[in-house]
Amino acid sequence: SRCNSITVSALEIQVDNGQMALASVLNGNTAGAGICSY
């Protein structure tokens, strides 16, 4: 998952075994974020 908007505040993937990948974008303090999970 990727996001490119300055209005995004959170980007998160949760997998059913409890694994979690999180990218906190902090409301416009970055141009974008991306995460991946197997």
Full PDB file with SEQRES, HELIX, SHEET, SSBOND, CRYST1, ORIGX, SCALE, CONECT and MASTER records, all heavy atoms in Angstrom:
SEQRES   1 A   38  SER ARG CYS ASN SER ILE THR VAL SER ALA LEU GLU ILE          
SEQRES   2 A   38  GLN VAL ASP ASN GLY GLN MET ALA LEU ALA SER VAL LEU          
SEQRES   3 A   38  ASN GLY ASN THR ALA GLY ALA GLY ILE CYS SER TYR              
SHEET    1 AA1 2 ALA A  10  GLN A  14  0                                        
SHEET    2 AA1 2 MET A  20  SER A  24 -1                                        
CRYST1    1.000    1.000    1.000  90.00  90.00  90.00 P 1           1          
ORIGX1      1.000000  0.000000  0.000000        0.00000                         
ORIGX2      0.000000  1.000000  0.000000        0.00000                         
ORIGX3      0.000000  0.000000  1.000000        0.00000                         
SCALE1      1.000000  0.000000  0.000000        0.00000                         
SCALE2      0.000000  1.000000  0.000000        0.00000                         
SCALE3      0.000000  0.000000  1.000000        0.00000                         
ATOM      1  N   SER A   1       0.852  -1.194   0.000  1.00  0.00           N  
ATOM      2  CA  SER A   1       0.000   0.000   0.000  1.00  0.00           C  
ATOM      3  C   SER A   1       0.882   1.237   0.000  1.00  0.00           C  
ATOM      4  O   SER A   1       1.943   1.260   0.609  1.00  0.00           O  
ATOM      5  CB  SER A   1      -0.958  -0.003   1.188  1.00  0.00           C  
ATOM      6  OG  SER A   1      -0.251  -0.032   2.387  1.00  0.00           O  
ATOM      7  N   ARG A   2       0.403   2.241  -0.709  1.00  0.00           N  
ATOM      8  CA  ARG A   2       1.110   3.514  -0.789  1.00  0.00           C  
ATOM      9  C   ARG A   2       0.093   4.637  -0.756  1.00  0.00           C  
ATOM     10  O   ARG A   2      -1.039   4.479  -1.190  1.00  0.00           O  
ATOM     11  CB  ARG A   2       1.911   3.598  -2.093  1.00  0.00           C  
ATOM     12  CG  ARG A   2       3.054   2.627  -2.164  1.00  0.00           C  
ATOM     13  CD  ARG A   2       3.805   2.727  -3.476  1.00  0.00           C  
ATOM     14  NE  ARG A   2       3.066   2.290  -4.647  1.00  0.00           N  
ATOM     15  CZ  ARG A   2       2.859   1.026  -4.999  1.00  0.00           C  
ATOM     16  NH1 ARG A   2       3.317   0.068  -4.243  1.00  0.00           N  
ATOM     17  NH2 ARG A   2       2.195   0.723  -6.086  1.00  0.00           N  
ATOM     18  N   CYS A   3       0.513   5.776  -0.255  1.00  0.00           N  
ATOM     19  CA  CYS A   3      -0.347   6.960  -0.311  1.00  0.00           C  
ATOM     20  C   CYS A   3       0.516   8.160  -0.666  1.00  0.00           C  
ATOM     21  O   CYS A   3       1.699   8.196  -0.372  1.00  0.00           O  
ATOM     22  CB  CYS A   3      -1.082   7.188   0.998  1.00  0.00           C  
ATOM     23  SG  CYS A   3      -0.016   7.566   2.388  1.00  0.00           S  
ATOM     24  N   ASN A   4      -0.081   9.112  -1.320  1.00  0.00           N  
ATOM     25  CA  ASN A   4       0.657  10.280  -1.795  1.00  0.00           C  
ATOM     26  C   ASN A   4      -0.023  11.600  -1.481  1.00  0.00           C  
ATOM     27  O   ASN A   4       0.291  12.609  -2.063  1.00  0.00           O  
ATOM     28  CB  ASN A   4       0.860  10.181  -3.311  1.00  0.00           C  
ATOM     29  CG  ASN A   4       1.731   9.018  -3.685  1.00  0.00           C  
ATOM     30  OD1 ASN A   4       2.825   8.870  -3.169  1.00  0.00           O  
ATOM     31  ND2 ASN A   4       1.241   8.163  -4.557  1.00  0.00           N  
ATOM     32  N   SER A   5      -0.960  11.601  -0.591  1.00  0.00           N  
ATOM     33  CA  SER A   5      -1.712  12.809  -0.317  1.00  0.00           C  
ATOM     34  C   SER A   5      -1.265  13.466   0.981  1.00  0.00           C  
ATOM     35  O   SER A   5      -0.997  12.788   1.970  1.00  0.00           O  
ATOM     36  CB  SER A   5      -3.196  12.479  -0.224  1.00  0.00           C  
ATOM     37  OG  SER A   5      -3.912  13.610   0.198  1.00  0.00           O  
ATOM     38  N   ILE A   6      -1.212  14.765   0.991  1.00  0.00           N  
ATOM     39  CA  ILE A   6      -0.851  15.473   2.219  1.00  0.00           C  
ATOM     40  C   ILE A   6      -1.989  15.464   3.236  1.00  0.00           C  
ATOM     41  O   ILE A   6      -1.809  15.850   4.379  1.00  0.00           O  
ATOM     42  CB  ILE A   6      -0.407  16.922   1.932  1.00  0.00           C  
ATOM     43  CG1 ILE A   6      -1.527  17.718   1.266  1.00  0.00           C  
ATOM     44  CG2 ILE A   6       0.863  16.956   1.110  1.00  0.00           C  
ATOM     45  CD1 ILE A   6      -1.235  19.203   1.174  1.00  0.00           C  
ATOM     46  N   THR A   7      -3.167  14.973   2.832  1.00  0.00           N  
ATOM     47  CA  THR A   7      -4.302  14.915   3.757  1.00  0.00           C  
ATOM     48  C   THR A   7      -4.409  13.577   4.492  1.00  0.00           C  
ATOM     49  O   THR A   7      -5.237  13.427   5.373  1.00  0.00           O  
ATOM     50  CB  THR A   7      -5.625  15.157   3.006  1.00  0.00           C  
ATOM     51  OG1 THR A   7      -5.795  14.140   2.021  1.00  0.00           O  
ATOM     52  CG2 THR A   7      -5.630  16.527   2.359  1.00  0.00           C  
ATOM     53  N   VAL A   8      -3.564  12.602   4.137  1.00  0.00           N  
ATOM     54  CA  VAL A   8      -3.624  11.270   4.748  1.00  0.00           C  
ATOM     55  C   VAL A   8      -2.987  11.306   6.139  1.00  0.00           C  
ATOM     56  O   VAL A   8      -1.925  11.885   6.333  1.00  0.00           O  
ATOM     57  CB  VAL A   8      -2.901  10.249   3.843  1.00  0.00           C  
ATOM     58  CG1 VAL A   8      -2.758   8.911   4.536  1.00  0.00           C  
ATOM     59  CG2 VAL A   8      -3.646  10.109   2.530  1.00  0.00           C  
ATOM     60  N   SER A   9      -3.654  10.679   7.117  1.00  0.00           N  
ATOM     61  CA  SER A   9      -3.109  10.663   8.473  1.00  0.00           C  
ATOM     62  C   SER A   9      -2.592   9.301   8.895  1.00  0.00           C  
ATOM     63  O   SER A   9      -1.776   9.206   9.808  1.00  0.00           O  
ATOM     64  CB  SER A   9      -4.158  11.144   9.480  1.00  0.00           C  
ATOM     65  OG  SER A   9      -5.282  10.303   9.455  1.00  0.00           O  
ATOM     66  N   ALA A  10      -3.043   8.197   8.256  1.00  0.00           N  
ATOM     67  CA  ALA A  10      -2.561   6.869   8.640  1.00  0.00           C  
ATOM     68  C   ALA A  10      -2.717   5.895   7.485  1.00  0.00           C  
ATOM     69  O   ALA A  10      -3.657   5.986   6.701  1.00  0.00           O  
ATOM     70  CB  ALA A  10      -3.316   6.354   9.856  1.00  0.00           C  
ATOM     71  N   LEU A  11      -1.785   4.979   7.417  1.00  0.00           N  
ATOM     72  CA  LEU A  11      -1.794   3.911   6.424  1.00  0.00           C  
ATOM     73  C   LEU A  11      -1.353   2.659   7.159  1.00  0.00           C  
ATOM     74  O   LEU A  11      -0.270   2.630   7.731  1.00  0.00           O  
ATOM     75  CB  LEU A  11      -0.829   4.260   5.288  1.00  0.00           C  
ATOM     76  CG  LEU A  11      -0.651   3.277   4.151  1.00  0.00           C  
ATOM     77  CD1 LEU A  11      -1.984   3.040   3.438  1.00  0.00           C  
ATOM     78  CD2 LEU A  11       0.376   3.796   3.171  1.00  0.00           C  
ATOM     79  N   GLU A  12      -2.203   1.623   7.178  1.00  0.00           N  
ATOM     80  CA  GLU A  12      -1.912   0.458   8.011  1.00  0.00           C  
ATOM     81  C   GLU A  12      -2.389  -0.816   7.323  1.00  0.00           C  
ATOM     82  O   GLU A  12      -3.404  -0.823   6.643  1.00  0.00           O  
ATOM     83  CB  GLU A  12      -2.643   0.632   9.346  1.00  0.00           C  
ATOM     84  CG  GLU A  12      -2.422  -0.462  10.341  1.00  0.00           C  
ATOM     85  CD  GLU A  12      -3.089  -0.143  11.671  1.00  0.00           C  
ATOM     86  OE1 GLU A  12      -3.107   1.037  12.074  1.00  0.00           O  
ATOM     87  OE2 GLU A  12      -3.614  -1.069  12.291  1.00  0.00           O  
ATOM     88  N   ILE A  13      -1.611  -1.902   7.502  1.00  0.00           N  
ATOM     89  CA  ILE A  13      -2.005  -3.241   7.065  1.00  0.00           C  
ATOM     90  C   ILE A  13      -1.974  -4.134   8.299  1.00  0.00           C  
ATOM     91  O   ILE A  13      -0.977  -4.165   9.010  1.00  0.00           O  
ATOM     92  CB  ILE A  13      -1.030  -3.830   6.019  1.00  0.00           C  
ATOM     93  CG1 ILE A  13      -1.026  -3.012   4.732  1.00  0.00           C  
ATOM     94  CG2 ILE A  13      -1.388  -5.281   5.717  1.00  0.00           C  
ATOM     95  CD1 ILE A  13       0.026  -3.481   3.731  1.00  0.00           C  
ATOM     96  N   GLN A  14      -3.065  -4.862   8.553  1.00  0.00           N  
ATOM     97  CA  GLN A  14      -3.091  -5.861   9.617  1.00  0.00           C  
ATOM     98  C   GLN A  14      -3.371  -7.214   8.987  1.00  0.00           C  
ATOM     99  O   GLN A  14      -4.281  -7.348   8.178  1.00  0.00           O  
ATOM    100  CB  GLN A  14      -4.172  -5.560  10.649  1.00  0.00           C  
ATOM    101  CG  GLN A  14      -3.873  -4.368  11.510  1.00  0.00           C  
ATOM    102  CD  GLN A  14      -4.926  -4.173  12.589  1.00  0.00           C  
ATOM    103  OE1 GLN A  14      -5.890  -4.917  12.697  1.00  0.00           O  
ATOM    104  NE2 GLN A  14      -4.730  -3.150  13.389  1.00  0.00           N  
ATOM    105  N   VAL A  15      -2.575  -8.218   9.380  1.00  0.00           N  
ATOM    106  CA  VAL A  15      -2.732  -9.569   8.869  1.00  0.00           C  
ATOM    107  C   VAL A  15      -3.380 -10.406   9.964  1.00  0.00           C  
ATOM    108  O   VAL A  15      -3.122 -10.182  11.143  1.00  0.00           O  
ATOM    109  CB  VAL A  15      -1.357 -10.141   8.441  1.00  0.00           C  
ATOM    110  CG1 VAL A  15      -1.499 -11.544   7.895  1.00  0.00           C  
ATOM    111  CG2 VAL A  15      -0.718  -9.227   7.396  1.00  0.00           C  
ATOM    112  N   ASP A  16      -4.196 -11.416   9.588  1.00  0.00           N  
ATOM    113  CA  ASP A  16      -5.014 -12.108  10.584  1.00  0.00           C  
ATOM    114  C   ASP A  16      -4.232 -12.865  11.647  1.00  0.00           C  
ATOM    115  O   ASP A  16      -4.792 -13.259  12.658  1.00  0.00           O  
ATOM    116  CB  ASP A  16      -6.042 -13.016   9.922  1.00  0.00           C  
ATOM    117  CG  ASP A  16      -5.460 -14.227   9.228  1.00  0.00           C  
ATOM    118  OD1 ASP A  16      -4.235 -14.407   9.197  1.00  0.00           O  
ATOM    119  OD2 ASP A  16      -6.253 -15.012   8.697  1.00  0.00           O  
ATOM    120  N   ASN A  17      -2.929 -13.033  11.472  1.00  0.00           N  
ATOM    121  CA  ASN A  17      -2.150 -13.684  12.524  1.00  0.00           C  
ATOM    122  C   ASN A  17      -1.602 -12.672  13.534  1.00  0.00           C  
ATOM    123  O   ASN A  17      -0.802 -13.015  14.390  1.00  0.00           O  
ATOM    124  CB  ASN A  17      -1.004 -14.495  11.919  1.00  0.00           C  
ATOM    125  CG  ASN A  17       0.020 -13.629  11.202  1.00  0.00           C  
ATOM    126  OD1 ASN A  17      -0.078 -12.407  11.193  1.00  0.00           O  
ATOM    127  ND2 ASN A  17       1.007 -14.257  10.597  1.00  0.00           N  
ATOM    128  N   GLY A  18      -2.034 -11.427  13.430  1.00  0.00           N  
ATOM    129  CA  GLY A  18      -1.598 -10.406  14.385  1.00  0.00           C  
ATOM    130  C   GLY A  18      -0.462  -9.543  13.886  1.00  0.00           C  
ATOM    131  O   GLY A  18      -0.124  -8.532  14.484  1.00  0.00           O  
ATOM    132  N   GLN A  19       0.155  -9.929  12.761  1.00  0.00           N  
ATOM    133  CA  GLN A  19       1.239  -9.132  12.192  1.00  0.00           C  
ATOM    134  C   GLN A  19       0.676  -7.792  11.757  1.00  0.00           C  
ATOM    135  O   GLN A  19      -0.428  -7.706  11.250  1.00  0.00           O  
ATOM    136  CB  GLN A  19       1.820  -9.885  11.004  1.00  0.00           C  
ATOM    137  CG  GLN A  19       2.845  -9.133  10.209  1.00  0.00           C  
ATOM    138  CD  GLN A  19       3.249  -9.926   8.974  1.00  0.00           C  
ATOM    139  OE1 GLN A  19       2.821 -11.032   8.767  1.00  0.00           O  
ATOM    140  NE2 GLN A  19       4.087  -9.333   8.162  1.00  0.00           N  
ATOM    141  N   MET A  20       1.431  -6.741  11.947  1.00  0.00           N  
ATOM    142  CA  MET A  20       0.948  -5.424  11.557  1.00  0.00           C  
ATOM    143  C   MET A  20       2.075  -4.626  10.932  1.00  0.00           C  
ATOM    144  O   MET A  20       3.207  -4.664  11.392  1.00  0.00           O  
ATOM    145  CB  MET A  20       0.403  -4.679  12.770  1.00  0.00           C  
ATOM    146  CG  MET A  20      -0.165  -3.321  12.427  1.00  0.00           C  
ATOM    147  SD  MET A  20      -0.993  -2.518  13.804  1.00  0.00           S  
ATOM    148  CE  MET A  20       0.332  -2.258  14.943  1.00  0.00           C  
ATOM    149  N   ALA A  21       1.755  -3.915   9.878  1.00  0.00           N  
ATOM    150  CA  ALA A  21       2.675  -2.963   9.270  1.00  0.00           C  
ATOM    151  C   ALA A  21       1.995  -1.610   9.316  1.00  0.00           C  
ATOM    152  O   ALA A  21       0.830  -1.484   8.967  1.00  0.00           O  
ATOM    153  CB  ALA A  21       2.984  -3.363   7.830  1.00  0.00           C  
ATOM    154  N   LEU A  22       2.700  -0.600   9.775  1.00  0.00           N  
ATOM    155  CA  LEU A  22       2.085   0.707   9.977  1.00  0.00           C  
ATOM    156  C   LEU A  22       2.987   1.798   9.428  1.00  0.00           C  
ATOM    157  O   LEU A  22       4.191   1.784   9.629  1.00  0.00           O  
ATOM    158  CB  LEU A  22       1.848   0.938  11.471  1.00  0.00           C  
ATOM    159  CG  LEU A  22       1.420   2.332  11.921  1.00  0.00           C  
ATOM    160  CD1 LEU A  22       0.025   2.645  11.399  1.00  0.00           C  
ATOM    161  CD2 LEU A  22       1.450   2.419  13.433  1.00  0.00           C  
ATOM    162  N   ALA A  23       2.374   2.730   8.726  1.00  0.00           N  
ATOM    163  CA  ALA A  23       3.082   3.932   8.295  1.00  0.00           C  
ATOM    164  C   ALA A  23       2.246   5.117   8.761  1.00  0.00           C  
ATOM    165  O   ALA A  23       1.114   5.273   8.350  1.00  0.00           O  
ATOM    166  CB  ALA A  23       3.244   3.966   6.780  1.00  0.00           C  
ATOM    167  N   SER A  24       2.785   5.892   9.643  1.00  0.00           N  
ATOM    168  CA  SER A  24       2.074   7.072  10.114  1.00  0.00           C  
ATOM    169  C   SER A  24       2.538   8.250   9.285  1.00  0.00           C  
ATOM    170  O   SER A  24       3.724   8.574   9.262  1.00  0.00           O  
ATOM    171  CB  SER A  24       2.363   7.316  11.592  1.00  0.00           C  
ATOM    172  OG  SER A  24       1.682   8.451  12.041  1.00  0.00           O  
ATOM    173  N   VAL A  25       1.626   8.906   8.601  1.00  0.00           N  
ATOM    174  CA  VAL A  25       1.988   9.954   7.659  1.00  0.00           C  
ATOM    175  C   VAL A  25       1.980  11.329   8.318  1.00  0.00           C  
ATOM    176  O   VAL A  25       2.564  12.264   7.826  1.00  0.00           O  
ATOM    177  CB  VAL A  25       1.044   9.901   6.437  1.00  0.00           C  
ATOM    178  CG1 VAL A  25       1.439  10.908   5.400  1.00  0.00           C  
ATOM    179  CG2 VAL A  25       1.049   8.515   5.843  1.00  0.00           C  
ATOM    180  N   LEU A  26       1.353  11.455   9.441  1.00  0.00           N  
ATOM    181  CA  LEU A  26       1.371  12.675  10.252  1.00  0.00           C  
ATOM    182  C   LEU A  26       0.835  13.909   9.536  1.00  0.00           C  
ATOM    183  O   LEU A  26       1.448  14.964   9.512  1.00  0.00           O  
ATOM    184  CB  LEU A  26       2.779  12.940  10.790  1.00  0.00           C  
ATOM    185  CG  LEU A  26       3.358  11.824  11.643  1.00  0.00           C  
ATOM    186  CD1 LEU A  26       4.796  12.132  11.997  1.00  0.00           C  
ATOM    187  CD2 LEU A  26       2.539  11.594  12.888  1.00  0.00           C  
ATOM    188  N   ASN A  27      -0.312  13.777   8.928  1.00  0.00           N  
ATOM    189  CA  ASN A  27      -1.058  14.916   8.361  1.00  0.00           C  
ATOM    190  C   ASN A  27      -0.230  15.920   7.569  1.00  0.00           C  
ATOM    191  O   ASN A  27      -0.133  17.081   7.919  1.00  0.00           O  
ATOM    192  CB  ASN A  27      -1.814  15.638   9.471  1.00  0.00           C  
ATOM    193  CG  ASN A  27      -2.955  14.816   9.998  1.00  0.00           C  
ATOM    194  OD1 ASN A  27      -3.590  14.105   9.244  1.00  0.00           O  
ATOM    195  ND2 ASN A  27      -3.193  14.890  11.279  1.00  0.00           N  
ATOM    196  N   GLY A  28       0.359  15.467   6.509  1.00  0.00           N  
ATOM    197  CA  GLY A  28       1.035  16.379   5.602  1.00  0.00           C  
ATOM    198  C   GLY A  28       2.491  16.663   5.912  1.00  0.00           C  
ATOM    199  O   GLY A  28       3.117  17.455   5.229  1.00  0.00           O  
ATOM    200  N   ASN A  29       3.059  16.011   6.914  1.00  0.00           N  
ATOM    201  CA  ASN A  29       4.467  16.236   7.224  1.00  0.00           C  
ATOM    202  C   ASN A  29       5.389  15.428   6.324  1.00  0.00           C  
ATOM    203  O   ASN A  29       6.594  15.473   6.478  1.00  0.00           O  
ATOM    204  CB  ASN A  29       4.755  15.910   8.695  1.00  0.00           C  
ATOM    205  CG  ASN A  29       4.131  16.933   9.622  1.00  0.00           C  
ATOM    206  OD1 ASN A  29       3.945  18.084   9.246  1.00  0.00           O  
ATOM    207  ND2 ASN A  29       3.800  16.515  10.823  1.00  0.00           N  
ATOM    208  N   THR A  30       4.824  14.683   5.402  1.00  0.00           N  
ATOM    209  CA  THR A  30       5.618  13.944   4.437  1.00  0.00           C  
ATOM    210  C   THR A  30       4.845  13.899   3.115  1.00  0.00           C  
ATOM    211  O   THR A  30       3.633  14.052   3.107  1.00  0.00           O  
ATOM    212  CB  THR A  30       5.930  12.520   4.942  1.00  0.00           C  
ATOM    213  OG1 THR A  30       6.775  11.881   3.998  1.00  0.00           O  
ATOM    214  CG2 THR A  30       4.675  11.703   5.154  1.00  0.00           C  
ATOM    215  N   ALA A  31       5.548  13.689   2.032  1.00  0.00           N  
ATOM    216  CA  ALA A  31       4.898  13.652   0.721  1.00  0.00           C  
ATOM    217  C   ALA A  31       4.185  12.337   0.466  1.00  0.00           C  
ATOM    218  O   ALA A  31       3.343  12.241  -0.397  1.00  0.00           O  
ATOM    219  CB  ALA A  31       5.937  13.890  -0.369  1.00  0.00           C  
ATOM    220  N   GLY A  32       4.516  11.293   1.214  1.00  0.00           N  
ATOM    221  CA  GLY A  32       3.875   9.997   1.002  1.00  0.00           C  
ATOM    222  C   GLY A  32       4.531   8.919   1.829  1.00  0.00           C  
ATOM    223  O   GLY A  32       5.536   9.149   2.486  1.00  0.00           O  
ATOM    224  N   ALA A  33       3.932   7.736   1.809  1.00  0.00           N  
ATOM    225  CA  ALA A  33       4.451   6.607   2.565  1.00  0.00           C  
ATOM    226  C   ALA A  33       4.056   5.322   1.864  1.00  0.00           C  
ATOM    227  O   ALA A  33       3.086   5.299   1.101  1.00  0.00           O  
ATOM    228  CB  ALA A  33       3.902   6.625   3.989  1.00  0.00           C  
ATOM    229  N   GLY A  34       4.777   4.253   2.131  1.00  0.00           N  
ATOM    230  CA  GLY A  34       4.445   2.954   1.557  1.00  0.00           C  
ATOM    231  C   GLY A  34       4.860   1.833   2.478  1.00  0.00           C  
ATOM    232  O   GLY A  34       5.846   1.946   3.198  1.00  0.00           O  
ATOM    233  N   ILE A  35       4.078   0.749   2.476  1.00  0.00           N  
ATOM    234  CA  ILE A  35       4.393  -0.416   3.292  1.00  0.00           C  
ATOM    235  C   ILE A  35       4.046  -1.678   2.521  1.00  0.00           C  
ATOM    236  O   ILE A  35       3.236  -1.650   1.592  1.00  0.00           O  
ATOM    237  CB  ILE A  35       3.643  -0.402   4.647  1.00  0.00           C  
ATOM    238  CG1 ILE A  35       2.140  -0.165   4.451  1.00  0.00           C  
ATOM    239  CG2 ILE A  35       4.214   0.628   5.579  1.00  0.00           C  
ATOM    240  CD1 ILE A  35       1.345  -0.146   5.735  1.00  0.00           C  
ATOM    241  N   CYS A  36       4.672  -2.808   2.888  1.00  0.00           N  
ATOM    242  CA  CYS A  36       4.319  -4.085   2.287  1.00  0.00           C  
ATOM    243  C   CYS A  36       4.475  -5.187   3.325  1.00  0.00           C  
ATOM    244  O   CYS A  36       5.206  -5.045   4.302  1.00  0.00           O  
ATOM    245  CB  CYS A  36       5.138  -4.379   1.039  1.00  0.00           C  
ATOM    246  SG  CYS A  36       6.874  -4.668   1.321  1.00  0.00           S  
ATOM    247  N   SER A  37       3.777  -6.299   3.094  1.00  0.00           N  
ATOM    248  CA  SER A  37       3.806  -7.417   4.021  1.00  0.00           C  
ATOM    249  C   SER A  37       3.610  -8.713   3.246  1.00  0.00           C  
ATOM    250  O   SER A  37       2.779  -8.782   2.339  1.00  0.00           O  
ATOM    251  CB  SER A  37       2.687  -7.250   5.062  1.00  0.00           C  
ATOM    252  OG  SER A  37       2.703  -8.307   5.986  1.00  0.00           O  
ATOM    253  N   TYR A  38       4.372  -9.752   3.602  1.00  0.00           N  
ATOM    254  CA  TYR A  38       4.212 -11.073   2.992  1.00  0.00           C  
ATOM    255  C   TYR A  38       3.040 -11.781   3.657  1.00  0.00           C  
ATOM    256  O   TYR A  38       2.907 -11.748   4.881  1.00  0.00           O  
ATOM    257  CB  TYR A  38       5.498 -11.899   3.173  1.00  0.00           C  
ATOM    258  CG  TYR A  38       5.418 -13.249   2.529  1.00  0.00           C  
ATOM    259  CD1 TYR A  38       5.609 -13.382   1.161  1.00  0.00           C  
ATOM    260  CD2 TYR A  38       5.137 -14.382   3.270  1.00  0.00           C  
ATOM    261  CE1 TYR A  38       5.529 -14.624   0.548  1.00  0.00           C  
ATOM    262  CE2 TYR A  38       5.054 -15.625   2.670  1.00  0.00           C  
ATOM    263  CZ  TYR A  38       5.250 -15.744   1.306  1.00  0.00           C  
ATOM    264  OH  TYR A  38       5.164 -16.968   0.703  1.00  0.00           O  
TER     265      TYR A  38                                                      
MASTER        0    0    0    0    2    0    0    6  264    1    0    3          
END                                                                             
